Amino acid sequence: MSKIKVVSNAAGREVTVNEPLVLGMTTVEELVESLGAELVVSQVKAQLKVAFRAVVRRKIEEKDDNEEFVNTEEMVVAEDFTDWKPTLRITKTAEEKAMEALGGLTPEQRDAILAQFNNA
C-alpha cells in the first residue's frame, strides 16, 4: 500500500499514513463508481479553480528585470481567459534537475561544483 506524508507547519509535526484507496484510482469511471458523479465533479471544479487562480496570480506577481510589475490590474482583468484549460505538469526528479543544471555549465564550472560534493 502506498503512503502519503502529511505535514502541519502550524503544529510543527508530520506523519506518514497509508494512502486511502480512492487516491490510487486511475480512471474517471473508478472515481465516479466509488464516489458518485456529483462529488467527482465538485472536487475537479475546486481543483480547477485553484489552478486557474495560480495562473492569474502569476500574472499579477510577474516583475521585469527592474522589479517593476509587468501587468497592471487593468491588463489582467482585460485578458480573455474564457478558453483557459489546465495543463499537465510533469515533475522532474532531483536527478533530472541536477543533470539539466549541470548541463548548462562549462566543464570547469561543473568540475568545481562536483569537487565540492566529492570533498564533503
Protein backbone atom coordinates (compact mmCIF):
# COMPACT_ATOMS: atom_id res chain seq x y z
CA MET A 1 0.00 0.00 0.00
CA SER A 2 1.21 3.50 -0.83
CA LYS A 3 1.98 6.02 1.86
CA ILE A 4 1.29 9.74 1.99
CA LYS A 5 3.18 12.28 4.06
CA VAL A 6 1.14 14.95 5.86
CA VAL A 7 2.93 17.99 7.29
CA SER A 8 1.46 20.51 9.72
CA ASN A 9 3.59 23.64 9.71
CA ALA A 10 1.31 25.16 12.35
CA ALA A 11 1.91 22.26 14.76
CA GLY A 12 5.48 21.60 13.63
CA ARG A 13 4.66 17.92 13.14
CA GLU A 14 4.44 15.41 10.32
CA VAL A 15 3.13 11.89 9.89
CA THR A 16 3.18 9.33 7.10
CA VAL A 17 -0.04 7.34 6.79
CA ASN A 18 -1.47 4.72 4.46
CA GLU A 19 -2.98 6.35 1.39
CA PRO A 20 -6.75 5.86 1.02
CA LEU A 21 -7.79 3.57 -1.83
CA VAL A 22 -9.51 6.43 -3.67
CA LEU A 23 -6.13 8.11 -4.27
CA GLY A 24 -4.94 5.03 -6.13
CA MET A 25 -7.78 5.10 -8.63
CA THR A 26 -6.64 5.90 -12.13
CA THR A 27 -9.79 6.45 -14.18
CA VAL A 28 -12.77 8.77 -14.02
CA GLU A 29 -15.01 5.72 -14.16
CA GLU A 30 -13.44 4.28 -10.99
CA LEU A 31 -13.80 7.57 -9.18
CA VAL A 32 -17.44 8.01 -10.23
CA GLU A 33 -18.28 4.43 -9.24
CA SER A 34 -16.66 4.88 -5.84
CA LEU A 35 -17.63 8.49 -5.01
CA GLY A 36 -20.51 9.40 -7.29
CA ALA A 37 -20.52 11.81 -10.22
CA GLU A 38 -21.62 14.83 -8.17
CA LEU A 39 -18.70 14.57 -5.75
CA VAL A 40 -16.17 13.92 -8.54
CA VAL A 41 -17.34 16.98 -10.49
CA SER A 42 -17.31 19.09 -7.33
CA GLN A 43 -13.74 18.07 -6.46
CA VAL A 44 -12.50 18.59 -10.03
CA LYS A 45 -14.06 22.05 -10.21
CA ALA A 46 -12.50 23.00 -6.88
CA GLN A 47 -9.04 21.99 -8.13
CA LEU A 48 -9.62 23.79 -11.45
CA LYS A 49 -10.31 27.00 -9.51
CA VAL A 50 -7.04 26.56 -7.60
CA ALA A 51 -5.12 26.02 -10.86
CA PHE A 52 -6.80 28.98 -12.57
CA ARG A 53 -6.15 31.31 -9.63
CA ALA A 54 -2.46 30.34 -9.80
CA VAL A 55 -2.31 31.41 -13.45
CA VAL A 56 -3.85 34.79 -12.66
CA ARG A 57 -1.68 35.19 -9.55
CA ARG A 58 1.48 34.63 -11.63
CA LYS A 59 0.33 37.38 -13.99
CA ILE A 60 -0.25 39.91 -11.21
CA GLU A 61 3.03 38.99 -9.46
CA GLU A 62 5.25 38.94 -12.58
CA LYS A 63 8.06 41.52 -12.50
CA ASP A 64 10.60 42.65 -15.07
CA ASP A 65 14.37 42.99 -14.64
CA ASN A 66 13.82 46.33 -12.83
CA GLU A 67 11.47 44.71 -10.30
CA GLU A 68 8.52 46.57 -11.83
CA PHE A 69 5.21 44.76 -12.32
CA VAL A 70 4.81 43.61 -15.93
CA ASN A 71 0.99 43.67 -15.88
CA THR A 72 -1.35 46.26 -14.40
CA GLU A 73 -4.53 45.08 -12.71
CA GLU A 74 -6.44 46.50 -15.67
CA MET A 75 -4.36 44.45 -18.12
CA VAL A 76 -5.06 41.24 -16.18
CA VAL A 77 -8.78 42.00 -15.89
CA ALA A 78 -8.97 42.77 -19.62
CA GLU A 79 -7.28 39.49 -20.61
CA ASP A 80 -9.60 36.89 -22.13
CA PHE A 81 -9.41 33.70 -20.07
CA THR A 82 -12.54 32.08 -21.50
CA ASP A 83 -10.58 29.34 -23.30
CA TRP A 84 -8.25 28.59 -20.37
CA LYS A 85 -7.67 24.92 -19.62
CA PRO A 86 -5.19 23.39 -17.20
CA THR A 87 -2.10 21.61 -18.44
CA LEU A 88 -0.47 18.51 -17.07
CA ARG A 89 2.62 19.47 -15.12
CA ILE A 90 5.45 17.00 -15.43
CA THR A 91 7.54 16.98 -12.26
CA LYS A 92 11.22 16.33 -12.78
CA THR A 93 13.20 14.10 -10.46
CA ALA A 94 16.08 15.56 -8.46
CA GLU A 95 18.46 13.75 -10.80
CA GLU A 96 16.83 15.26 -13.90
CA LYS A 97 17.01 18.75 -12.38
CA ALA A 98 20.68 18.27 -11.48
CA MET A 99 21.56 16.99 -14.95
CA GLU A 100 19.76 19.94 -16.54
CA ALA A 101 21.52 22.45 -14.26
CA LEU A 102 24.96 20.88 -14.69
CA GLY A 103 24.48 20.56 -18.45
CA GLY A 104 24.38 24.34 -18.84
CA LEU A 105 27.74 24.88 -17.18
CA THR A 106 31.20 24.93 -18.66
CA PRO A 107 33.29 21.82 -17.94
CA GLU A 108 35.37 23.84 -15.48
CA GLN A 109 32.33 25.09 -13.56
CA ARG A 110 30.85 21.60 -13.47
CA ASP A 111 34.12 20.10 -12.19
CA ALA A 112 34.36 22.77 -9.46
CA ILE A 113 30.82 22.11 -8.24
CA LEU A 114 31.21 18.34 -8.30
CA ALA A 115 34.52 18.63 -6.46
CA GLN A 116 32.68 20.34 -3.59
CA PHE A 117 30.41 17.30 -3.26
CA ASN A 118 33.28 14.82 -3.56
CA ASN A 119 35.15 16.57 -0.74
CA ALA A 120 32.12 16.71 1.57
